[in-house]
N, C-alpha and C. Protein backbone atom coordinates (compact mmCIF):
# COMPACT_ATOMS: atom_id res chain seq x y z
N MET A 1 -3.22 -15.32 3.38
CA MET A 1 -2.87 -14.09 2.73
C MET A 1 -1.49 -13.58 3.16
N ALA A 2 -1.12 -13.87 4.39
CA ALA A 2 0.21 -13.43 4.83
C ALA A 2 1.27 -14.00 3.91
N ASP A 3 1.02 -15.20 3.37
CA ASP A 3 1.97 -15.82 2.45
C ASP A 3 2.15 -14.96 1.20
N ASP A 4 1.06 -14.38 0.68
CA ASP A 4 1.16 -13.50 -0.48
C ASP A 4 2.03 -12.29 -0.17
N PHE A 5 1.86 -11.71 1.00
CA PHE A 5 2.64 -10.53 1.36
C PHE A 5 4.10 -10.90 1.60
N ASN A 6 4.34 -12.07 2.17
CA ASN A 6 5.71 -12.54 2.34
C ASN A 6 6.36 -12.75 0.97
N ARG A 7 5.65 -13.41 0.06
CA ARG A 7 6.18 -13.65 -1.28
C ARG A 7 6.45 -12.33 -2.01
N LEU A 8 5.54 -11.38 -1.87
CA LEU A 8 5.71 -10.08 -2.50
C LEU A 8 6.93 -9.36 -1.94
N LEU A 9 7.06 -9.38 -0.63
CA LEU A 9 8.20 -8.70 -0.01
C LEU A 9 9.51 -9.35 -0.43
N MET A 10 9.55 -10.67 -0.47
CA MET A 10 10.78 -11.36 -0.91
C MET A 10 11.07 -11.07 -2.39
N TYR A 11 10.02 -10.96 -3.19
CA TYR A 11 10.21 -10.62 -4.61
C TYR A 11 10.79 -9.22 -4.74
N ILE A 12 10.30 -8.29 -3.94
CA ILE A 12 10.83 -6.92 -3.95
C ILE A 12 12.32 -6.94 -3.59
N VAL A 13 12.67 -7.72 -2.55
CA VAL A 13 14.07 -7.82 -2.14
C VAL A 13 14.91 -8.42 -3.26
N GLU A 14 14.43 -9.48 -3.88
CA GLU A 14 15.19 -10.21 -4.90
C GLU A 14 15.31 -9.45 -6.23
N HIS A 15 14.41 -8.55 -6.51
CA HIS A 15 14.41 -7.92 -7.83
C HIS A 15 14.70 -6.43 -7.75
N PRO A 16 13.73 -5.54 -7.56
CA PRO A 16 14.09 -4.12 -7.63
C PRO A 16 15.07 -3.68 -6.54
N LEU A 17 14.91 -4.19 -5.33
CA LEU A 17 15.80 -3.76 -4.25
C LEU A 17 17.22 -4.31 -4.46
N ARG A 18 17.31 -5.53 -4.95
CA ARG A 18 18.63 -6.12 -5.25
C ARG A 18 19.34 -5.30 -6.32
N GLN A 19 18.60 -4.80 -7.29
CA GLN A 19 19.20 -3.96 -8.33
C GLN A 19 19.76 -2.67 -7.73
N VAL A 20 18.99 -2.05 -6.83
CA VAL A 20 19.46 -0.82 -6.17
C VAL A 20 20.71 -1.11 -5.36
N GLU A 21 20.66 -2.17 -4.55
CA GLU A 21 21.80 -2.52 -3.71
C GLU A 21 23.01 -2.92 -4.54
N SER A 22 22.79 -3.60 -5.67
CA SER A 22 23.88 -4.00 -6.55
C SER A 22 24.62 -2.78 -7.08
N ARG A 23 23.87 -1.77 -7.50
CA ARG A 23 24.51 -0.54 -8.00
C ARG A 23 25.35 0.10 -6.91
N GLU A 24 24.83 0.14 -5.69
CA GLU A 24 25.59 0.74 -4.59
C GLU A 24 26.86 -0.05 -4.29
N VAL A 25 26.76 -1.37 -4.26
CA VAL A 25 27.93 -2.21 -3.99
C VAL A 25 28.97 -2.03 -5.10
N GLU A 26 28.50 -2.02 -6.35
CA GLU A 26 29.42 -1.86 -7.47
C GLU A 26 30.12 -0.50 -7.45
N LEU A 27 29.39 0.55 -7.06
CA LEU A 27 30.00 1.87 -6.98
C LEU A 27 31.04 1.95 -5.87
N ASP A 28 30.80 1.24 -4.78
CA ASP A 28 31.71 1.27 -3.64
C ASP A 28 32.82 0.22 -3.73
N ALA A 29 32.77 -0.66 -4.71
CA ALA A 29 33.67 -1.81 -4.78
C ALA A 29 35.09 -1.40 -5.14
N SER A 30 36.04 -2.14 -4.59
CA SER A 30 37.43 -2.01 -5.00
C SER A 30 37.73 -3.17 -5.95
N ALA A 31 38.86 -3.13 -6.58
CA ALA A 31 39.21 -4.15 -7.56
C ALA A 31 39.38 -5.53 -6.94
N VAL A 32 39.62 -5.61 -5.64
CA VAL A 32 39.88 -6.90 -5.01
C VAL A 32 38.63 -7.52 -4.35
N GLN A 33 37.52 -6.82 -4.37
CA GLN A 33 36.31 -7.34 -3.74
C GLN A 33 35.61 -8.36 -4.62
N ASP A 34 34.95 -9.30 -3.97
CA ASP A 34 34.08 -10.24 -4.67
C ASP A 34 32.69 -9.60 -4.67
N VAL A 35 32.41 -8.83 -5.70
CA VAL A 35 31.17 -8.05 -5.77
C VAL A 35 29.94 -8.95 -5.73
N ALA A 36 29.96 -10.05 -6.46
CA ALA A 36 28.81 -10.96 -6.48
C ALA A 36 28.51 -11.51 -5.09
N ALA A 37 29.56 -11.88 -4.36
CA ALA A 37 29.38 -12.40 -3.00
C ALA A 37 28.85 -11.31 -2.07
N GLU A 38 29.33 -10.10 -2.24
CA GLU A 38 28.86 -9.00 -1.39
C GLU A 38 27.40 -8.68 -1.68
N ILE A 39 27.01 -8.69 -2.95
CA ILE A 39 25.62 -8.44 -3.31
C ILE A 39 24.73 -9.53 -2.71
N GLU A 40 25.16 -10.78 -2.79
CA GLU A 40 24.39 -11.89 -2.21
C GLU A 40 24.27 -11.74 -0.70
N ALA A 41 25.34 -11.34 -0.04
CA ALA A 41 25.30 -11.15 1.42
C ALA A 41 24.34 -10.03 1.79
N VAL A 42 24.36 -8.94 1.04
CA VAL A 42 23.44 -7.82 1.30
C VAL A 42 22.00 -8.28 1.09
N THR A 43 21.77 -9.04 0.01
CA THR A 43 20.42 -9.53 -0.28
C THR A 43 19.92 -10.44 0.84
N GLN A 44 20.77 -11.33 1.32
CA GLN A 44 20.37 -12.24 2.40
C GLN A 44 20.05 -11.47 3.67
N GLU A 45 20.81 -10.43 3.97
CA GLU A 45 20.54 -9.59 5.14
C GLU A 45 19.21 -8.86 4.99
N LEU A 46 18.94 -8.36 3.79
CA LEU A 46 17.66 -7.70 3.52
C LEU A 46 16.50 -8.66 3.70
N LYS A 47 16.66 -9.89 3.23
CA LYS A 47 15.61 -10.91 3.40
C LYS A 47 15.36 -11.20 4.87
N LYS A 48 16.44 -11.34 5.62
CA LYS A 48 16.33 -11.63 7.05
C LYS A 48 15.55 -10.52 7.76
N ASP A 49 15.87 -9.28 7.43
CA ASP A 49 15.16 -8.15 8.01
C ASP A 49 13.71 -8.10 7.53
N ALA A 50 13.50 -8.40 6.25
CA ALA A 50 12.15 -8.34 5.68
C ALA A 50 11.20 -9.32 6.34
N VAL A 51 11.69 -10.53 6.64
CA VAL A 51 10.85 -11.55 7.27
C VAL A 51 10.24 -11.01 8.56
N LYS A 52 11.00 -10.26 9.31
CA LYS A 52 10.51 -9.69 10.58
C LYS A 52 9.45 -8.62 10.35
N LEU A 53 9.48 -7.99 9.16
CA LEU A 53 8.58 -6.86 8.91
C LEU A 53 7.36 -7.23 8.07
N VAL A 54 7.21 -8.50 7.69
CA VAL A 54 6.07 -8.91 6.85
C VAL A 54 4.73 -8.49 7.47
N PRO A 55 4.48 -8.75 8.75
CA PRO A 55 3.17 -8.34 9.31
C PRO A 55 2.94 -6.83 9.22
N ASN A 56 3.99 -6.04 9.42
CA ASN A 56 3.87 -4.59 9.35
C ASN A 56 3.69 -4.12 7.91
N PHE A 57 4.38 -4.78 6.99
CA PHE A 57 4.24 -4.50 5.56
C PHE A 57 2.80 -4.76 5.13
N GLU A 58 2.27 -5.91 5.52
CA GLU A 58 0.89 -6.25 5.18
C GLU A 58 -0.10 -5.26 5.79
N GLU A 59 0.06 -4.96 7.07
CA GLU A 59 -0.83 -4.02 7.74
C GLU A 59 -0.79 -2.65 7.07
N GLY A 60 0.42 -2.20 6.74
CA GLY A 60 0.57 -0.90 6.08
C GLY A 60 -0.07 -0.87 4.71
N LEU A 61 0.12 -1.94 3.93
CA LEU A 61 -0.50 -1.97 2.60
C LEU A 61 -2.01 -1.98 2.69
N ARG A 62 -2.55 -2.73 3.64
CA ARG A 62 -4.02 -2.76 3.80
C ARG A 62 -4.54 -1.37 4.17
N LYS A 63 -3.85 -0.70 5.09
CA LYS A 63 -4.26 0.65 5.49
C LYS A 63 -4.11 1.64 4.34
N ALA A 64 -3.00 1.52 3.59
CA ALA A 64 -2.76 2.43 2.47
C ALA A 64 -3.81 2.24 1.37
N ALA A 65 -4.23 0.99 1.15
CA ALA A 65 -5.24 0.71 0.13
C ALA A 65 -6.60 1.25 0.56
N ALA A 66 -6.90 1.17 1.85
CA ALA A 66 -8.20 1.60 2.35
C ALA A 66 -8.32 3.12 2.44
N HIS A 67 -7.23 3.78 2.81
CA HIS A 67 -7.26 5.23 3.04
C HIS A 67 -5.96 5.88 2.58
N PRO A 68 -5.79 6.02 1.26
CA PRO A 68 -4.54 6.62 0.78
C PRO A 68 -4.53 8.14 0.97
N PRO A 69 -3.39 8.74 1.14
CA PRO A 69 -2.10 8.11 1.38
C PRO A 69 -2.01 7.62 2.83
N LEU A 70 -1.09 6.72 3.08
CA LEU A 70 -0.89 6.18 4.42
C LEU A 70 -0.12 7.18 5.26
N VAL A 71 -0.64 7.47 6.45
CA VAL A 71 0.05 8.34 7.40
C VAL A 71 0.27 7.55 8.68
N VAL A 72 1.54 7.42 9.09
CA VAL A 72 1.90 6.75 10.33
C VAL A 72 2.93 7.61 11.04
N ASP A 73 3.08 7.36 12.34
CA ASP A 73 4.15 8.06 13.04
C ASP A 73 4.93 7.07 13.88
N ASP A 74 6.08 7.52 14.32
CA ASP A 74 6.98 6.63 15.06
C ASP A 74 6.80 6.71 16.57
N THR A 75 5.64 7.19 17.01
CA THR A 75 5.39 7.25 18.45
C THR A 75 4.90 5.91 19.00
N SER A 76 4.54 4.99 18.10
CA SER A 76 4.16 3.64 18.54
C SER A 76 5.06 2.64 17.82
N ALA A 77 5.22 1.46 18.41
CA ALA A 77 6.06 0.43 17.79
C ALA A 77 5.49 0.02 16.44
N ASP A 78 4.16 -0.15 16.33
CA ASP A 78 3.55 -0.55 15.06
C ASP A 78 3.77 0.50 13.98
N GLY A 79 3.52 1.75 14.30
CA GLY A 79 3.72 2.83 13.34
C GLY A 79 5.16 2.92 12.89
N ASN A 80 6.07 2.75 13.82
CA ASN A 80 7.49 2.81 13.51
C ASN A 80 7.89 1.67 12.56
N LYS A 81 7.38 0.46 12.82
CA LYS A 81 7.72 -0.68 11.98
C LYS A 81 7.07 -0.60 10.60
N ILE A 82 5.86 -0.07 10.52
CA ILE A 82 5.23 0.15 9.22
C ILE A 82 6.07 1.16 8.42
N ALA A 83 6.46 2.24 9.08
CA ALA A 83 7.29 3.24 8.41
C ALA A 83 8.61 2.64 7.94
N GLU A 84 9.23 1.80 8.75
CA GLU A 84 10.48 1.15 8.37
C GLU A 84 10.27 0.24 7.16
N ALA A 85 9.21 -0.57 7.21
CA ALA A 85 8.93 -1.49 6.10
C ALA A 85 8.68 -0.72 4.80
N PHE A 86 7.88 0.31 4.87
CA PHE A 86 7.57 1.08 3.67
C PHE A 86 8.81 1.81 3.15
N ALA A 87 9.57 2.43 4.04
CA ALA A 87 10.76 3.17 3.61
C ALA A 87 11.77 2.23 2.94
N ARG A 88 12.02 1.10 3.56
CA ARG A 88 13.05 0.19 3.05
C ARG A 88 12.62 -0.57 1.82
N TYR A 89 11.36 -1.02 1.78
CA TYR A 89 10.94 -1.96 0.75
C TYR A 89 10.01 -1.38 -0.31
N LEU A 90 9.53 -0.18 -0.11
CA LEU A 90 8.72 0.47 -1.14
C LEU A 90 9.36 1.77 -1.64
N VAL A 91 9.82 2.61 -0.73
CA VAL A 91 10.39 3.90 -1.14
C VAL A 91 11.73 3.71 -1.84
N VAL A 92 12.63 2.92 -1.25
CA VAL A 92 13.97 2.75 -1.84
C VAL A 92 13.91 2.25 -3.28
N PRO A 93 13.10 1.22 -3.59
CA PRO A 93 13.05 0.79 -4.99
C PRO A 93 12.08 1.59 -5.87
N GLY A 94 11.52 2.69 -5.36
CA GLY A 94 10.68 3.55 -6.16
C GLY A 94 9.23 3.12 -6.30
N LEU A 95 8.75 2.29 -5.39
CA LEU A 95 7.36 1.83 -5.42
C LEU A 95 6.43 2.72 -4.59
N ALA A 96 7.00 3.68 -3.90
CA ALA A 96 6.23 4.64 -3.10
C ALA A 96 7.10 5.87 -2.88
N THR A 97 6.45 6.95 -2.52
CA THR A 97 7.17 8.16 -2.11
C THR A 97 6.80 8.44 -0.67
N SER A 98 7.62 9.24 -0.02
CA SER A 98 7.33 9.56 1.38
C SER A 98 7.69 11.01 1.68
N GLN A 99 7.00 11.52 2.67
CA GLN A 99 7.30 12.83 3.24
C GLN A 99 7.24 12.68 4.74
N SER A 100 8.08 13.43 5.43
CA SER A 100 8.07 13.35 6.89
C SER A 100 7.81 14.74 7.48
N THR A 101 7.18 14.72 8.63
CA THR A 101 6.90 15.94 9.39
C THR A 101 7.37 15.72 10.81
N GLU A 102 8.12 16.66 11.32
CA GLU A 102 8.62 16.51 12.68
C GLU A 102 7.50 16.74 13.68
N LEU A 103 7.48 15.88 14.69
CA LEU A 103 6.53 15.97 15.79
C LEU A 103 7.31 16.33 17.06
N PRO A 104 6.62 16.64 18.13
CA PRO A 104 7.33 16.93 19.39
C PRO A 104 8.17 15.75 19.86
N ASP A 105 9.15 16.01 20.67
CA ASP A 105 9.99 15.00 21.30
C ASP A 105 10.77 14.14 20.31
N ASN A 106 11.22 14.76 19.22
CA ASN A 106 12.06 14.06 18.25
C ASN A 106 11.36 12.90 17.53
N HIS A 107 10.06 12.96 17.41
CA HIS A 107 9.31 11.96 16.67
C HIS A 107 8.92 12.53 15.31
N PHE A 108 8.50 11.62 14.42
CA PHE A 108 8.13 12.03 13.07
C PHE A 108 6.84 11.36 12.63
N SER A 109 6.11 12.06 11.79
CA SER A 109 4.95 11.53 11.09
C SER A 109 5.39 11.32 9.64
N TYR A 110 5.00 10.19 9.07
CA TYR A 110 5.39 9.85 7.70
C TYR A 110 4.15 9.67 6.85
N THR A 111 4.17 10.26 5.68
CA THR A 111 3.10 10.09 4.70
C THR A 111 3.67 9.33 3.52
N PHE A 112 3.07 8.18 3.22
CA PHE A 112 3.53 7.33 2.12
C PHE A 112 2.47 7.30 1.04
N ASP A 113 2.89 7.56 -0.18
CA ASP A 113 2.01 7.48 -1.33
C ASP A 113 2.50 6.33 -2.20
N VAL A 114 1.77 5.23 -2.19
CA VAL A 114 2.15 4.01 -2.90
C VAL A 114 1.84 4.18 -4.39
N ASN A 115 2.77 3.77 -5.23
CA ASN A 115 2.54 3.72 -6.66
C ASN A 115 1.85 2.38 -6.93
N TRP A 116 0.54 2.39 -6.85
CA TRP A 116 -0.23 1.15 -6.92
C TRP A 116 -0.07 0.44 -8.26
N ASP A 117 0.00 1.21 -9.36
CA ASP A 117 0.17 0.56 -10.67
C ASP A 117 1.48 -0.22 -10.72
N ALA A 118 2.57 0.40 -10.26
CA ALA A 118 3.88 -0.27 -10.27
C ALA A 118 3.88 -1.46 -9.32
N LEU A 119 3.26 -1.31 -8.15
CA LEU A 119 3.25 -2.40 -7.17
C LEU A 119 2.39 -3.56 -7.68
N ARG A 120 1.25 -3.26 -8.30
CA ARG A 120 0.41 -4.33 -8.87
C ARG A 120 1.16 -5.08 -9.97
N ALA A 121 1.87 -4.34 -10.82
CA ALA A 121 2.63 -4.97 -11.90
C ALA A 121 3.74 -5.86 -11.33
N LEU A 122 4.41 -5.39 -10.32
CA LEU A 122 5.47 -6.18 -9.69
C LEU A 122 4.88 -7.42 -9.02
N ALA A 123 3.75 -7.24 -8.34
CA ALA A 123 3.08 -8.38 -7.70
C ALA A 123 2.68 -9.41 -8.75
N GLN A 124 2.18 -8.94 -9.88
CA GLN A 124 1.79 -9.86 -10.95
C GLN A 124 3.00 -10.64 -11.45
N GLN A 125 4.16 -9.98 -11.58
CA GLN A 125 5.38 -10.68 -11.98
C GLN A 125 5.74 -11.77 -10.97
N ALA A 126 5.39 -11.53 -9.70
CA ALA A 126 5.66 -12.51 -8.64
C ALA A 126 4.57 -13.57 -8.55
N GLY A 127 3.55 -13.48 -9.41
CA GLY A 127 2.46 -14.45 -9.40
C GLY A 127 1.42 -14.17 -8.33
N ILE A 128 1.29 -12.91 -7.94
CA ILE A 128 0.37 -12.52 -6.87
C ILE A 128 -0.64 -11.53 -7.42
N ASN A 129 -1.92 -11.77 -7.14
CA ASN A 129 -2.95 -10.81 -7.44
C ASN A 129 -3.08 -9.91 -6.22
N LEU A 130 -2.49 -8.72 -6.32
CA LEU A 130 -2.41 -7.83 -5.16
C LEU A 130 -3.80 -7.43 -4.66
N ASP A 131 -4.71 -7.14 -5.58
CA ASP A 131 -6.05 -6.73 -5.14
C ASP A 131 -6.73 -7.83 -4.34
N ASN A 132 -6.60 -9.09 -4.80
CA ASN A 132 -7.18 -10.20 -4.05
C ASN A 132 -6.50 -10.35 -2.70
N ALA A 133 -5.18 -10.21 -2.67
CA ALA A 133 -4.45 -10.34 -1.39
C ALA A 133 -4.90 -9.25 -0.41
N LEU A 134 -5.09 -8.04 -0.90
CA LEU A 134 -5.52 -6.96 -0.03
C LEU A 134 -6.94 -7.17 0.49
N ARG A 135 -7.77 -7.82 -0.34
CA ARG A 135 -9.15 -8.13 0.09
C ARG A 135 -9.20 -9.38 0.96
N GLY A 136 -8.12 -10.13 0.97
CA GLY A 136 -8.09 -11.36 1.76
C GLY A 136 -8.59 -12.56 0.98
N ASN A 137 -8.65 -12.44 -0.37
CA ASN A 137 -9.10 -13.55 -1.22
C ASN A 137 -7.89 -14.29 -1.77
N GLN A 138 -8.05 -15.57 -2.01
CA GLN A 138 -6.98 -16.35 -2.66
C GLN A 138 -7.15 -16.28 -4.15
């Protein structure tokens, strides 16, 4: 099942997130920049970061599916990495929304509301049955 979540995360990077990043690169581009090369470099960096967060992405999605909305905080390494994965790979491309609440000692609690219909549709485009992946079925 981890493979399904890895494939889903890479699909998010390659498609909706790449579109967001492409717009940002194009807006910031000068006439002498190789925009296509810069977009590819940004995409490769996002993939590299995403690979490290696959376990946290999977854990967060399982928790969010079981008890929506997902609430995590950055007082633990796991909570912090789940929040990072969700913020970068679900919130930025519009697949989830988030709210934060300040906690003592400069920490935060994050509430993520996943747009399950949009995420299921995107997973289907990637050839993944999200419900089966979340249940642990092939």
